PDB file of N, CA and C in Angstrom:
ATOM      1  N   UNK A   1      36.565  21.309  29.399  1.00  0.00           N
ATOM      2  CA  UNK A   1      36.739  20.975  30.785  1.00  0.00           C
ATOM      3  C   UNK A   1      35.788  21.846  31.599  1.00  0.00           C
ATOM      4  N   UNK A   2      35.194  21.222  32.587  1.00  0.00           N
ATOM      5  CA  UNK A   2      34.278  21.932  33.476  1.00  0.00           C
ATOM      6  C   UNK A   2      34.790  21.789  34.904  1.00  0.00           C
ATOM      7  N   UNK A   3      34.877  22.891  35.604  1.00  0.00           N
ATOM      8  CA  UNK A   3      35.286  22.880  37.006  1.00  0.00           C
ATOM      9  C   UNK A   3      34.033  22.811  37.865  1.00  0.00           C
ATOM     10  N   UNK A   4      33.981  21.828  38.763  1.00  0.00           N
ATOM     11  CA  UNK A   4      32.818  21.671  39.631  1.00  0.00           C
ATOM     12  C   UNK A   4      33.060  22.326  40.975  1.00  0.00           C
ATOM     13  N   UNK A   5      32.052  23.031  41.418  1.00  0.00           N
ATOM     14  CA  UNK A   5      32.058  23.583  42.773  1.00  0.00           C
ATOM     15  C   UNK A   5      31.157  22.668  43.589  1.00  0.00           C
ATOM     16  N   UNK A   6      31.741  21.998  44.565  1.00  0.00           N
ATOM     17  CA  UNK A   6      31.011  21.018  45.362  1.00  0.00           C
ATOM     18  C   UNK A   6      30.081  21.694  46.356  1.00  0.00           C
ATOM     19  N   UNK A   7      29.056  20.961  46.737  1.00  0.00           N
ATOM     20  CA  UNK A   7      28.079  21.467  47.701  1.00  0.00           C
ATOM     21  C   UNK A   7      28.677  21.686  49.080  1.00  0.00           C
ATOM     22  N   UNK A   8      29.810  21.060  49.357  1.00  0.00           N
ATOM     23  CA  UNK A   8      30.452  21.183  50.667  1.00  0.00           C
ATOM     24  C   UNK A   8      31.329  22.434  50.784  1.00  0.00           C
ATOM     25  N   UNK A   9      31.485  23.157  49.687  1.00  0.00           N
ATOM     26  CA  UNK A   9      32.321  24.359  49.673  1.00  0.00           C
ATOM     27  C   UNK A   9      31.565  25.520  50.315  1.00  0.00           C
ATOM     28  N   UNK A  10      32.280  26.314  51.087  1.00  0.00           N
ATOM     29  CA  UNK A  10      31.701  27.521  51.671  1.00  0.00           C
ATOM     30  C   UNK A  10      31.837  28.643  50.639  1.00  0.00           C
ATOM     31  N   UNK A  11      30.724  29.175  50.119  1.00  0.00           N
ATOM     32  CA  UNK A  11      30.800  30.195  49.067  1.00  0.00           C
ATOM     33  C   UNK A  11      31.201  31.575  49.618  1.00  0.00           C
ATOM     34  N   UNK A  12      32.458  31.687  49.986  1.00  0.00           N
ATOM     35  CA  UNK A  12      32.970  32.942  50.526  1.00  0.00           C
ATOM     36  C   UNK A  12      33.145  33.963  49.412  1.00  0.00           C
ATOM     37  N   UNK A  13      33.315  35.186  49.810  1.00  0.00           N
ATOM     38  CA  UNK A  13      33.567  36.258  48.830  1.00  0.00           C
ATOM     39  C   UNK A  13      34.845  35.978  48.050  1.00  0.00           C
ATOM     40  N   UNK A  14      35.854  35.438  48.736  1.00  0.00           N
ATOM     41  CA  UNK A  14      37.130  35.100  48.076  1.00  0.00           C
ATOM     42  C   UNK A  14      36.917  34.038  46.994  1.00  0.00           C
ATOM     43  N   UNK A  15      36.129  33.010  47.303  1.00  0.00           N
ATOM     44  CA  UNK A  15      35.849  31.959  46.324  1.00  0.00           C
ATOM     45  C   UNK A  15      35.073  32.519  45.140  1.00  0.00           C
ATOM     46  N   UNK A  16      34.058  33.310  45.425  1.00  0.00           N
ATOM     47  CA  UNK A  16      33.233  33.893  44.359  1.00  0.00           C
ATOM     48  C   UNK A  16      34.081  34.761  43.438  1.00  0.00           C
ATOM     49  N   UNK A  17      34.953  35.575  44.009  1.00  0.00           N
ATOM     50  CA  UNK A  17      35.835  36.428  43.201  1.00  0.00           C
ATOM     51  C   UNK A  17      36.791  35.604  42.350  1.00  0.00           C
ATOM     52  N   UNK A  18      37.349  34.544  42.933  1.00  0.00           N
ATOM     53  CA  UNK A  18      38.272  33.679  42.186  1.00  0.00           C
ATOM     54  C   UNK A  18      37.540  33.001  41.025  1.00  0.00           C
ATOM     55  N   UNK A  19      36.329  32.524  41.275  1.00  0.00           N
ATOM     56  CA  UNK A  19      35.546  31.890  40.212  1.00  0.00           C
ATOM     57  C   UNK A  19      35.183  32.897  39.121  1.00  0.00           C
ATOM     58  N   UNK A  20      34.849  34.114  39.519  1.00  0.00           N
ATOM     59  CA  UNK A  20      34.530  35.152  38.538  1.00  0.00           C
ATOM     60  C   UNK A  20      35.738  35.441  37.646  1.00  0.00           C
ATOM     61  N   UNK A  21      36.923  35.554  38.254  1.00  0.00           N
ATOM     62  CA  UNK A  21      38.145  35.787  37.484  1.00  0.00           C
ATOM     63  C   UNK A  21      38.399  34.653  36.497  1.00  0.00           C
ATOM     64  N   UNK A  22      38.259  33.409  36.956  1.00  0.00           N
ATOM     65  CA  UNK A  22      38.483  32.258  36.080  1.00  0.00           C
ATOM     66  C   UNK A  22      37.426  32.188  34.981  1.00  0.00           C
ATOM     67  N   UNK A  23      36.185  32.529  35.312  1.00  0.00           N
ATOM     68  CA  UNK A  23      35.119  32.542  34.315  1.00  0.00           C
ATOM     69  C   UNK A  23      35.434  33.556  33.212  1.00  0.00           C
ATOM     70  N   UNK A  24      35.935  34.699  33.602  1.00  0.00           N
ATOM     71  CA  UNK A  24      36.299  35.731  32.613  1.00  0.00           C
ATOM     72  C   UNK A  24      37.460  35.281  31.727  1.00  0.00           C
ATOM     73  N   UNK A  25      38.253  34.326  32.221  1.00  0.00           N
ATOM     74  CA  UNK A  25      39.356  33.767  31.432  1.00  0.00           C
ATOM     75  C   UNK A  25      38.885  32.618  30.540  1.00  0.00           C
ATOM     76  N   UNK A  26      37.604  32.275  30.627  1.00  0.00           N
ATOM     77  CA  UNK A  26      37.046  31.255  29.753  1.00  0.00           C
ATOM     78  C   UNK A  26      36.753  29.915  30.406  1.00  0.00           C
ATOM     79  N   UNK A  27      36.995  29.779  31.692  1.00  0.00           N
ATOM     80  CA  UNK A  27      36.690  28.519  32.373  1.00  0.00           C
ATOM     81  C   UNK A  27      35.185  28.380  32.579  1.00  0.00           C
ATOM     82  N   UNK A  28      34.709  27.140  32.551  1.00  0.00           N
ATOM     83  CA  UNK A  28      33.298  26.831  32.728  1.00  0.00           C
ATOM     84  C   UNK A  28      33.100  26.182  34.093  1.00  0.00           C
ATOM     85  N   UNK A  29      32.050  26.597  34.790  1.00  0.00           N
ATOM     86  CA  UNK A  29      31.771  26.089  36.129  1.00  0.00           C
ATOM     87  C   UNK A  29      30.436  25.360  36.185  1.00  0.00           C
ATOM     88  N   UNK A  30      30.405  24.320  37.022  1.00  0.00           N
ATOM     89  CA  UNK A  30      29.177  23.596  37.341  1.00  0.00           C
ATOM     90  C   UNK A  30      29.019  23.595  38.853  1.00  0.00           C
ATOM     91  N   UNK A  31      27.791  23.725  39.310  1.00  0.00           N
ATOM     92  CA  UNK A  31      27.485  23.609  40.731  1.00  0.00           C
ATOM     93  C   UNK A  31      26.978  22.197  40.964  1.00  0.00           C
ATOM     94  N   UNK A  32      27.694  21.427  41.787  1.00  0.00           N
ATOM     95  CA  UNK A  32      27.387  20.017  42.002  1.00  0.00           C
ATOM     96  C   UNK A  32      26.433  19.833  43.170  1.00  0.00           C
ATOM     97  N   UNK A  33      25.509  18.891  43.028  1.00  0.00           N
ATOM     98  CA  UNK A  33      24.515  18.584  44.067  1.00  0.00           C
ATOM     99  C   UNK A  33      23.835  19.852  44.581  1.00  0.00           C
ATOM    100  N   UNK A  34      23.468  20.693  43.654  1.00  0.00           N
ATOM    101  CA  UNK A  34      22.896  21.999  43.967  1.00  0.00           C
ATOM    102  C   UNK A  34      21.510  21.847  44.576  1.00  0.00           C
ATOM    103  N   UNK A  35      21.246  22.627  45.630  1.00  0.00           N
ATOM    104  CA  UNK A  35      19.928  22.597  46.280  1.00  0.00           C
ATOM    105  C   UNK A  35      19.295  23.982  46.390  1.00  0.00           C
ATOM    106  N   UNK A  36      19.936  24.988  45.826  1.00  0.00           N
ATOM    107  CA  UNK A  36      19.330  26.311  45.797  1.00  0.00           C
ATOM    108  C   UNK A  36      19.469  27.127  47.055  1.00  0.00           C
ATOM    109  N   UNK A  37      20.503  26.866  47.847  1.00  0.00           N
ATOM    110  CA  UNK A  37      20.710  27.674  49.057  1.00  0.00           C
ATOM    111  C   UNK A  37      21.012  29.122  48.685  1.00  0.00           C
ATOM    112  N   UNK A  38      20.463  30.096  49.416  1.00  0.00           N
ATOM    113  CA  UNK A  38      20.709  31.509  49.103  1.00  0.00           C
ATOM    114  C   UNK A  38      22.197  31.880  49.084  1.00  0.00           C
ATOM    115  N   UNK A  39      23.002  31.245  49.913  1.00  0.00           N
ATOM    116  CA  UNK A  39      24.434  31.581  49.949  1.00  0.00           C
ATOM    117  C   UNK A  39      25.137  31.243  48.636  1.00  0.00           C
ATOM    118  N   UNK A  40      24.550  30.352  47.825  1.00  0.00           N
ATOM    119  CA  UNK A  40      25.148  29.973  46.543  1.00  0.00           C
ATOM    120  C   UNK A  40      24.645  30.824  45.383  1.00  0.00           C
ATOM    121  N   UNK A  41      23.708  31.730  45.647  1.00  0.00           N
ATOM    122  CA  UNK A  41      23.130  32.541  44.582  1.00  0.00           C
ATOM    123  C   UNK A  41      24.188  33.295  43.763  1.00  0.00           C
ATOM    124  N   UNK A  42      25.212  33.905  44.382  1.00  0.00           N
ATOM    125  CA  UNK A  42      26.223  34.581  43.550  1.00  0.00           C
ATOM    126  C   UNK A  42      26.928  33.627  42.585  1.00  0.00           C
ATOM    127  N   UNK A  43      27.071  32.361  42.966  1.00  0.00           N
ATOM    128  CA  UNK A  43      27.723  31.400  42.078  1.00  0.00           C
ATOM    129  C   UNK A  43      26.831  31.015  40.910  1.00  0.00           C
ATOM    130  N   UNK A  44      25.512  31.182  41.045  1.00  0.00           N
ATOM    131  CA  UNK A  44      24.624  30.890  39.919  1.00  0.00           C
ATOM    132  C   UNK A  44      24.792  31.927  38.814  1.00  0.00           C
ATOM    133  N   UNK A  45      25.373  33.066  39.152  1.00  0.00           N
ATOM    134  CA  UNK A  45      25.651  34.083  38.133  1.00  0.00           C
ATOM    135  C   UNK A  45      26.871  33.710  37.292  1.00  0.00           C
ATOM    136  N   UNK A  46      27.668  32.774  37.794  1.00  0.00           N
ATOM    137  CA  UNK A  46      28.914  32.356  37.142  1.00  0.00           C
ATOM    138  C   UNK A  46      28.753  30.998  36.468  1.00  0.00           C
ATOM    139  N   UNK A  47      28.002  30.102  37.092  1.00  0.00           N
ATOM    140  CA  UNK A  47      27.887  28.723  36.623  1.00  0.00           C
ATOM    141  C   UNK A  47      27.170  28.630  35.280  1.00  0.00           C
ATOM    142  N   UNK A  48      27.631  27.697  34.468  1.00  0.00           N
ATOM    143  CA  UNK A  48      26.980  27.383  33.191  1.00  0.00           C
ATOM    144  C   UNK A  48      26.141  26.114  33.302  1.00  0.00           C
ATOM    145  N   UNK A  49      26.421  25.320  34.359  1.00  0.00           N
ATOM    146  CA  UNK A  49      25.689  24.078  34.588  1.00  0.00           C
ATOM    147  C   UNK A  49      25.334  23.954  36.054  1.00  0.00           C
ATOM    148  N   UNK A  50      24.144  23.410  36.312  1.00  0.00           N
ATOM    149  CA  UNK A  50      23.737  23.074  37.675  1.00  0.00           C
ATOM    150  C   UNK A  50      23.378  21.596  37.668  1.00  0.00           C
ATOM    151  N   UNK A  51      24.027  20.845  38.561  1.00  0.00           N
ATOM    152  CA  UNK A  51      23.801  19.409  38.674  1.00  0.00           C
ATOM    153  C   UNK A  51      22.888  19.145  39.873  1.00  0.00           C
ATOM    154  N   UNK A  52      21.806  18.402  39.618  1.00  0.00           N
ATOM    155  CA  UNK A  52      20.815  18.131  40.654  1.00  0.00           C
ATOM    156  C   UNK A  52      20.757  16.620  40.894  1.00  0.00           C
ATOM    157  N   UNK A  53      20.903  16.231  42.152  1.00  0.00           N
ATOM    158  CA  UNK A  53      20.853  14.825  42.539  1.00  0.00           C
ATOM    159  C   UNK A  53      19.399  14.356  42.502  1.00  0.00           C
ATOM    160  N   UNK A  54      19.095  13.465  41.564  1.00  0.00           N
ATOM    161  CA  UNK A  54      17.731  12.963  41.397  1.00  0.00           C
ATOM    162  C   UNK A  54      17.252  12.166  42.606  1.00  0.00           C
ATOM    163  N   UNK A  55      18.171  11.634  43.376  1.00  0.00           N
ATOM    164  CA  UNK A  55      17.830  10.747  44.484  1.00  0.00           C
ATOM    165  C   UNK A  55      17.520  11.499  45.776  1.00  0.00           C
ATOM    166  N   UNK A  56      18.070  12.696  45.931  1.00  0.00           N
ATOM    167  CA  UNK A  56      17.896  13.412  47.201  1.00  0.00           C
ATOM    168  C   UNK A  56      17.066  14.684  47.085  1.00  0.00           C
ATOM    169  N   UNK A  57      16.718  15.078  45.870  1.00  0.00           N
ATOM    170  CA  UNK A  57      15.964  16.317  45.661  1.00  0.00           C
ATOM    171  C   UNK A  57      14.544  15.961  45.215  1.00  0.00           C
ATOM    172  N   UNK A  58      13.558  16.520  45.876  1.00  0.00           N
ATOM    173  CA  UNK A  58      12.167  16.209  45.523  1.00  0.00           C
ATOM    174  C   UNK A  58      11.851  16.686  44.105  1.00  0.00           C
ATOM    175  N   UNK A  59      10.873  16.047  43.502  1.00  0.00           N
ATOM    176  CA  UNK A  59      10.469  16.443  42.146  1.00  0.00           C
ATOM    177  C   UNK A  59       9.967  17.887  42.123  1.00  0.00           C
ATOM    178  N   UNK A  60       9.252  18.283  43.162  1.00  0.00           N
ATOM    179  CA  UNK A  60       8.752  19.663  43.227  1.00  0.00           C
ATOM    180  C   UNK A  60       9.919  20.646  43.266  1.00  0.00           C
ATOM    181  N   UNK A  61      10.942  20.342  44.036  1.00  0.00           N
ATOM    182  CA  UNK A  61      12.113  21.223  44.124  1.00  0.00           C
ATOM    183  C   UNK A  61      12.884  21.220  42.804  1.00  0.00           C
ATOM    184  N   UNK A  62      12.971  20.061  42.174  1.00  0.00           N
ATOM    185  CA  UNK A  62      13.641  20.003  40.869  1.00  0.00           C
ATOM    186  C   UNK A  62      12.915  20.866  39.847  1.00  0.00           C
ATOM    187  N   UNK A  63      11.609  20.775  39.825  1.00  0.00           N
ATOM    188  CA  UNK A  63      10.828  21.582  38.886  1.00  0.00           C
ATOM    189  C   UNK A  63      11.006  23.071  39.162  1.00  0.00           C
ATOM    190  N   UNK A  64      11.057  23.447  40.443  1.00  0.00           N
ATOM    191  CA  UNK A  64      11.274  24.848  40.794  1.00  0.00           C
ATOM    192  C   UNK A  64      12.632  25.324  40.286  1.00  0.00           C
ATOM    193  N   UNK A  65      13.669  24.498  40.480  1.00  0.00           N
ATOM    194  CA  UNK A  65      15.002  24.901  40.028  1.00  0.00           C
ATOM    195  C   UNK A  65      15.076  24.975  38.506  1.00  0.00           C
ATOM    196  N   UNK A  66      14.428  24.056  37.818  1.00  0.00           N
ATOM    197  CA  UNK A  66      14.397  24.127  36.348  1.00  0.00           C
ATOM    198  C   UNK A  66      13.764  25.441  35.893  1.00  0.00           C
ATOM    199  N   UNK A  67      12.635  25.817  36.510  1.00  0.00           N
ATOM    200  CA  UNK A  67      11.943  27.075  36.148  1.00  0.00           C
ATOM    201  C   UNK A  67      12.778  28.299  36.501  1.00  0.00           C
ATOM    202  N   UNK A  68      13.565  28.198  37.561  1.00  0.00           N
ATOM    203  CA  UNK A  68      14.354  29.345  38.013  1.00  0.00           C
ATOM    204  C   UNK A  68      15.620  29.546  37.191  1.00  0.00           C
ATOM    205  N   UNK A  69      16.363  28.473  36.947  1.00  0.00           N
ATOM    206  CA  UNK A  69      17.712  28.618  36.390  1.00  0.00           C
ATOM    207  C   UNK A  69      17.812  28.427  34.878  1.00  0.00           C
ATOM    208  N   UNK A  70      16.965  27.615  34.270  1.00  0.00           N
ATOM    209  CA  UNK A  70      17.044  27.464  32.817  1.00  0.00           C
ATOM    210  C   UNK A  70      16.795  28.775  32.076  1.00  0.00           C
ATOM    211  N   UNK A  71      15.819  29.587  32.485  1.00  0.00           N
ATOM    212  CA  UNK A  71      15.622  30.857  31.774  1.00  0.00           C
ATOM    213  C   UNK A  71      16.838  31.794  31.845  1.00  0.00           C
ATOM    214  N   UNK A  72      17.713  31.567  32.804  1.00  0.00           N
ATOM    215  CA  UNK A  72      18.940  32.366  32.908  1.00  0.00           C
ATOM    216  C   UNK A  72      20.044  31.848  31.972  1.00  0.00           C
ATOM    217  N   UNK A  73      19.745  30.768  31.252  1.00  0.00           N
ATOM    218  CA  UNK A  73      20.731  30.196  30.340  1.00  0.00           C
ATOM    219  C   UNK A  73      21.648  29.176  30.991  1.00  0.00           C
ATOM    220  N   UNK A  74      21.273  28.699  32.162  1.00  0.00           N
ATOM    221  CA  UNK A  74      22.071  27.692  32.855  1.00  0.00           C
ATOM    222  C   UNK A  74      21.545  26.318  32.455  1.00  0.00           C
ATOM    223  N   UNK A  75      22.443  25.456  31.978  1.00  0.00           N
ATOM    224  CA  UNK A  75      22.059  24.093  31.611  1.00  0.00           C
ATOM    225  C   UNK A  75      21.885  23.267  32.877  1.00  0.00           C
ATOM    226  N   UNK A  76      20.834  22.464  32.893  1.00  0.00           N
ATOM    227  CA  UNK A  76      20.516  21.653  34.062  1.00  0.00           C
ATOM    228  C   UNK A  76      20.882  20.195  33.797  1.00  0.00           C
ATOM    229  N   UNK A  77      21.587  19.601  34.778  1.00  0.00           N
ATOM    230  CA  UNK A  77      22.065  18.225  34.664  1.00  0.00           C
ATOM    231  C   UNK A  77      21.364  17.379  35.725  1.00  0.00           C
ATOM    232  N   UNK A  78      20.682  16.324  35.286  1.00  0.00           N
ATOM    233  CA  UNK A  78      20.092  15.358  36.221  1.00  0.00           C
ATOM    234  C   UNK A  78      21.171  14.322  36.497  1.00  0.00           C
ATOM    235  N   UNK A  79      21.616  14.257  37.758  1.00  0.00           N
ATOM    236  CA  UNK A  79      22.649  13.274  38.079  1.00  0.00           C
ATOM    237  C   UNK A  79      22.090  12.188  38.980  1.00  0.00           C
ATOM    238  N   UNK A  80      22.758  11.047  38.958  1.00  0.00           N
ATOM    239  CA  UNK A  80      22.332   9.838  39.678  1.00  0.00           C
ATOM    240  C   UNK A  80      21.021   9.292  39.100  1.00  0.00           C
ATOM    241  N   UNK A  81      20.905   9.362  37.785  1.00  0.00           N
ATOM    242  CA  UNK A  81      19.781   8.755  37.083  1.00  0.00           C
ATOM    243  C   UNK A  81      20.086   7.253  37.010  1.00  0.00           C
ATOM    244  N   UNK A  82      19.252   6.439  37.655  1.00  0.00           N
ATOM    245  CA  UNK A  82      19.554   5.008  37.741  1.00  0.00           C
ATOM    246  C   UNK A  82      18.491   4.101  37.150  1.00  0.00           C
ATOM    247  N   UNK A  83      17.333   4.646  36.804  1.00  0.00           N
ATOM    248  CA  UNK A  83      16.274   3.815  36.234  1.00  0.00           C
ATOM    249  C   UNK A  83      15.682   4.485  34.998  1.00  0.00           C
ATOM    250  N   UNK A  84      15.001   3.678  34.207  1.00  0.00           N
ATOM    251  CA  UNK A  84      14.313   4.201  33.036  1.00  0.00           C
ATOM    252  C   UNK A  84      13.252   5.216  33.445  1.00  0.00           C
ATOM    253  N   UNK A  85      12.569   4.947  34.547  1.00  0.00           N
ATOM    254  CA  UNK A  85      11.526   5.860  35.021  1.00  0.00           C
ATOM    255  C   UNK A  85      12.121   7.217  35.398  1.00  0.00           C
ATOM    256  N   UNK A  86      13.266   7.207  36.074  1.00  0.00           N
ATOM    257  CA  UNK A  86      13.921   8.472  36.444  1.00  0.00           C
ATOM    258  C   UNK A  86      14.357   9.237  35.198  1.00  0.00           C
ATOM    259  N   UNK A  87      14.904   8.513  34.217  1.00  0.00           N
ATOM    260  CA  UNK A  87      15.318   9.173  32.976  1.00  0.00           C
ATOM    261  C   UNK A  87      14.120   9.780  32.263  1.00  0.00           C
ATOM    262  N   UNK A  88      13.033   9.014  32.125  1.00  0.00           N
ATOM    263  CA  UNK A  88      11.831   9.530  31.452  1.00  0.00           C
ATOM    264  C   UNK A  88      11.310  10.773  32.154  1.00  0.00           C
ATOM    265  N   UNK A  89      11.252  10.726  33.501  1.00  0.00           N
ATOM    266  CA  UNK A  89      10.752  11.880  34.245  1.00  0.00           C
ATOM    267  C   UNK A  89      11.643  13.095  34.012  1.00  0.00           C
ATOM    268  N   UNK A  90      12.963  12.905  34.121  1.00  0.00           N
ATOM    269  CA  UNK A  90      13.900  14.022  33.963  1.00  0.00           C
ATOM    270  C   UNK A  90      13.847  14.599  32.551  1.00  0.00           C
ATOM    271  N   UNK A  91      13.714  13.750  31.568  1.00  0.00           N
ATOM    272  CA  UNK A  91      13.616  14.198  30.177  1.00  0.00           C
ATOM    273  C   UNK A  91      12.357  15.035  29.977  1.00  0.00           C
ATOM    274  N   UNK A  92      11.229  14.535  30.472  1.00  0.00           N
ATOM    275  CA  UNK A  92       9.963  15.271  30.345  1.00  0.00           C
ATOM    276  C   UNK A  92       9.965  16.559  31.161  1.00  0.00           C
ATOM    277  N   UNK A  93      10.663  16.544  32.294  1.00  0.00           N
ATOM    278  CA  UNK A  93      10.744  17.747  33.136  1.00  0.00           C
ATOM    279  C   UNK A  93      11.534  18.854  32.455  1.00  0.00           C
ATOM    280  N   UNK A  94      12.455  18.477  31.561  1.00  0.00           N
ATOM    281  CA  UNK A  94      13.197  19.487  30.812  1.00  0.00           C
ATOM    282  C   UNK A  94      14.681  19.567  31.084  1.00  0.00           C
ATOM    283  N   UNK A  95      15.242  18.576  31.750  1.00  0.00           N
ATOM    284  CA  UNK A  95      16.700  18.594  31.966  1.00  0.00           C
ATOM    285  C   UNK A  95      17.428  18.601  30.631  1.00  0.00           C
ATOM    286  N   UNK A  96      18.598  19.239  30.622  1.00  0.00           N
ATOM    287  CA  UNK A  96      19.412  19.335  29.411  1.00  0.00           C
ATOM    288  C   UNK A  96      20.377  18.166  29.261  1.00  0.00           C
ATOM    289  N   UNK A  97      20.930  17.707  30.375  1.00  0.00           N
ATOM    290  CA  UNK A  97      21.925  16.638  30.366  1.00  0.00           C
ATOM    291  C   UNK A  97      21.610  15.640  31.474  1.00  0.00           C
ATOM    292  N   UNK A  98      22.202  14.445  31.342  1.00  0.00           N
ATOM    293  CA  UNK A  98      21.889  13.351  32.264  1.00  0.00           C
ATOM    294  C   UNK A  98      23.165  12.584  32.597  1.00  0.00           C
ATOM    295  N   UNK A  99      23.263  12.128  33.856  1.00  0.00           N
ATOM    296  CA  UNK A  99      24.376  11.308  34.320  1.00  0.00           C
ATOM    297  C   UNK A  99      23.816  10.208  35.184  1.00  0.00           C
ATOM    298  N   UNK A 100      24.443   9.050  35.163  1.00  0.00           N
ATOM    299  CA  UNK A 100      24.042   8.024  36.107  1.00  0.00           C
ATOM    300  C   UNK A 100      24.238   6.618  35.592  1.00  0.00           C
ATOM    301  N   UNK A 101      24.067   5.666  36.482  1.00  0.00           N
ATOM    302  CA  UNK A 101      24.262   4.260  36.164  1.00  0.00           C
ATOM    303  C   UNK A 101      23.248   3.737  35.154  1.00  0.00           C
ATOM    304  N   UNK A 102      22.153   4.452  34.944  1.00  0.00           N
ATOM    305  CA  UNK A 102      21.190   4.026  33.933  1.00  0.00           C
ATOM    306  C   UNK A 102      21.868   3.937  32.570  1.00  0.00           C
ATOM    307  N   UNK A 103      22.827   4.788  32.320  1.00  0.00           N
ATOM    308  CA  UNK A 103      23.480   4.860  31.011  1.00  0.00           C
ATOM    309  C   UNK A 103      24.642   3.886  30.888  1.00  0.00           C
ATOM    310  N   UNK A 104      25.382   3.708  31.952  1.00  0.00           N
ATOM    311  CA  UNK A 104      26.512   2.770  31.941  1.00  0.00           C
ATOM    312  C   UNK A 104      27.012   2.577  33.356  1.00  0.00           C
ATOM    313  N   UNK A 105      27.388   1.367  33.646  1.00  0.00           N
ATOM    314  CA  UNK A 105      28.014   1.051  34.928  1.00  0.00           C
ATOM    315  C   UNK A 105      29.494   0.824  34.663  1.00  0.00           C
ATOM    316  N   UNK A 106      30.322   1.153  35.643  1.00  0.00           N
ATOM    317  CA  UNK A 106      31.753   0.883  35.461  1.00  0.00           C
ATOM    318  C   UNK A 106      31.972  -0.611  35.213  1.00  0.00           C
ATOM    319  N   UNK A 107      32.877  -0.919  34.320  1.00  0.00           N
ATOM    320  CA  UNK A 107      33.194  -2.314  34.023  1.00  0.00           C
ATOM    321  C   UNK A 107      34.510  -2.684  34.683  1.00  0.00           C
ATOM    322  N   UNK A 108      34.534  -3.851  35.279  1.00  0.00           N
ATOM    323  CA  UNK A 108      35.769  -4.354  35.873  1.00  0.00           C
ATOM    324  C   UNK A 108      36.501  -5.123  34.789  1.00  0.00           C
ATOM    325  N   UNK A 109      37.718  -4.732  34.520  1.00  0.00           N
ATOM    326  CA  UNK A 109      38.528  -5.406  33.513  1.00  0.00           C
ATOM    327  C   UNK A 109      39.528  -6.315  34.200  1.00  0.00           C
ATOM    328  N   UNK A 110      39.663  -7.497  33.671  1.00  0.00           N
ATOM    329  CA  UNK A 110      40.650  -8.425  34.197  1.00  0.00           C
ATOM    330  C   UNK A 110      41.678  -8.668  33.101  1.00  0.00           C
ATOM    331  N   UNK A 111      42.924  -8.683  33.505  1.00  0.00           N
ATOM    332  CA  UNK A 111      43.994  -8.892  32.528  1.00  0.00           C
ATOM    333  C   UNK A 111      45.147  -9.620  33.204  1.00  0.00           C
ATOM    334  N   UNK A 112      45.954 -10.245  32.398  1.00  0.00           N
ATOM    335  CA  UNK A 112      47.155 -10.892  32.910  1.00  0.00           C
ATOM    336  C   UNK A 112      48.307  -9.919  32.780  1.00  0.00           C
ATOM    337  N   UNK A 113      49.141  -9.918  33.778  1.00  0.00           N
ATOM    338  CA  UNK A 113      50.292  -9.025  33.733  1.00  0.00           C
ATOM    339  C   UNK A 113      51.311  -9.592  32.755  1.00  0.00           C
ATOM    340  N   UNK A 114      51.840  -8.740  31.939  1.00  0.00           N
ATOM    341  CA  UNK A 114      52.855  -9.143  30.962  1.00  0.00           C
ATOM    342  C   UNK A 114      54.224  -8.829  31.546  1.00  0.00           C
ATOM    343  N   UNK A 115      55.076  -9.828  31.559  1.00  0.00           N
ATOM    344  CA  UNK A 115      56.428  -9.625  32.090  1.00  0.00           C
ATOM    345  C   UNK A 115      57.268  -8.877  31.081  1.00  0.00           C
ATOM    346  N   UNK A 116      58.054  -7.968  31.595  1.00  0.00           N
ATOM    347  CA  UNK A 116      58.951  -7.213  30.710  1.00  0.00           C
ATOM    348  C   UNK A 116      60.256  -7.973  30.550  1.00  0.00           C
ATOM    349  N   UNK A 117      60.804  -7.878  29.385  1.00  0.00           N
ATOM    350  CA  UNK A 117      62.122  -8.452  29.135  1.00  0.00           C
ATOM    351  C   UNK A 117      63.180  -7.454  29.567  1.00  0.00           C
ATOM    352  N   UNK A 118      64.255  -7.969  30.058  1.00  0.00           N
ATOM    353  CA  UNK A 118      65.361  -7.074  30.452  1.00  0.00           C
ATOM    354  C   UNK A 118      66.541  -7.233  29.552  1.00  0.00           C
TER     355      UNK A 118
END
């Protein structure tokens, strides 16, 4: 199980301390929609995964983050991968993991309701 810290969270000292305590207990953290803001730097010391939105982050910024965080042992996740071209680029750039509709779209299941006997 991986606990995600959303980009909308304010990285307060209280949050950082709580995450550090949970990390020491064995929990794994991911930073979602990460853009490299300085206020999130303490959380990069705790996170094992950084998720980067392929649609909103420039390729130059993605490459910078890969060079910065992978050497620290943080796995990089390309999220919102929706085309073959995006997947090829992310793979060649060096991402470790991938998420997105390119791999699978949610399927709508239709079924008939079964009546219960009483």
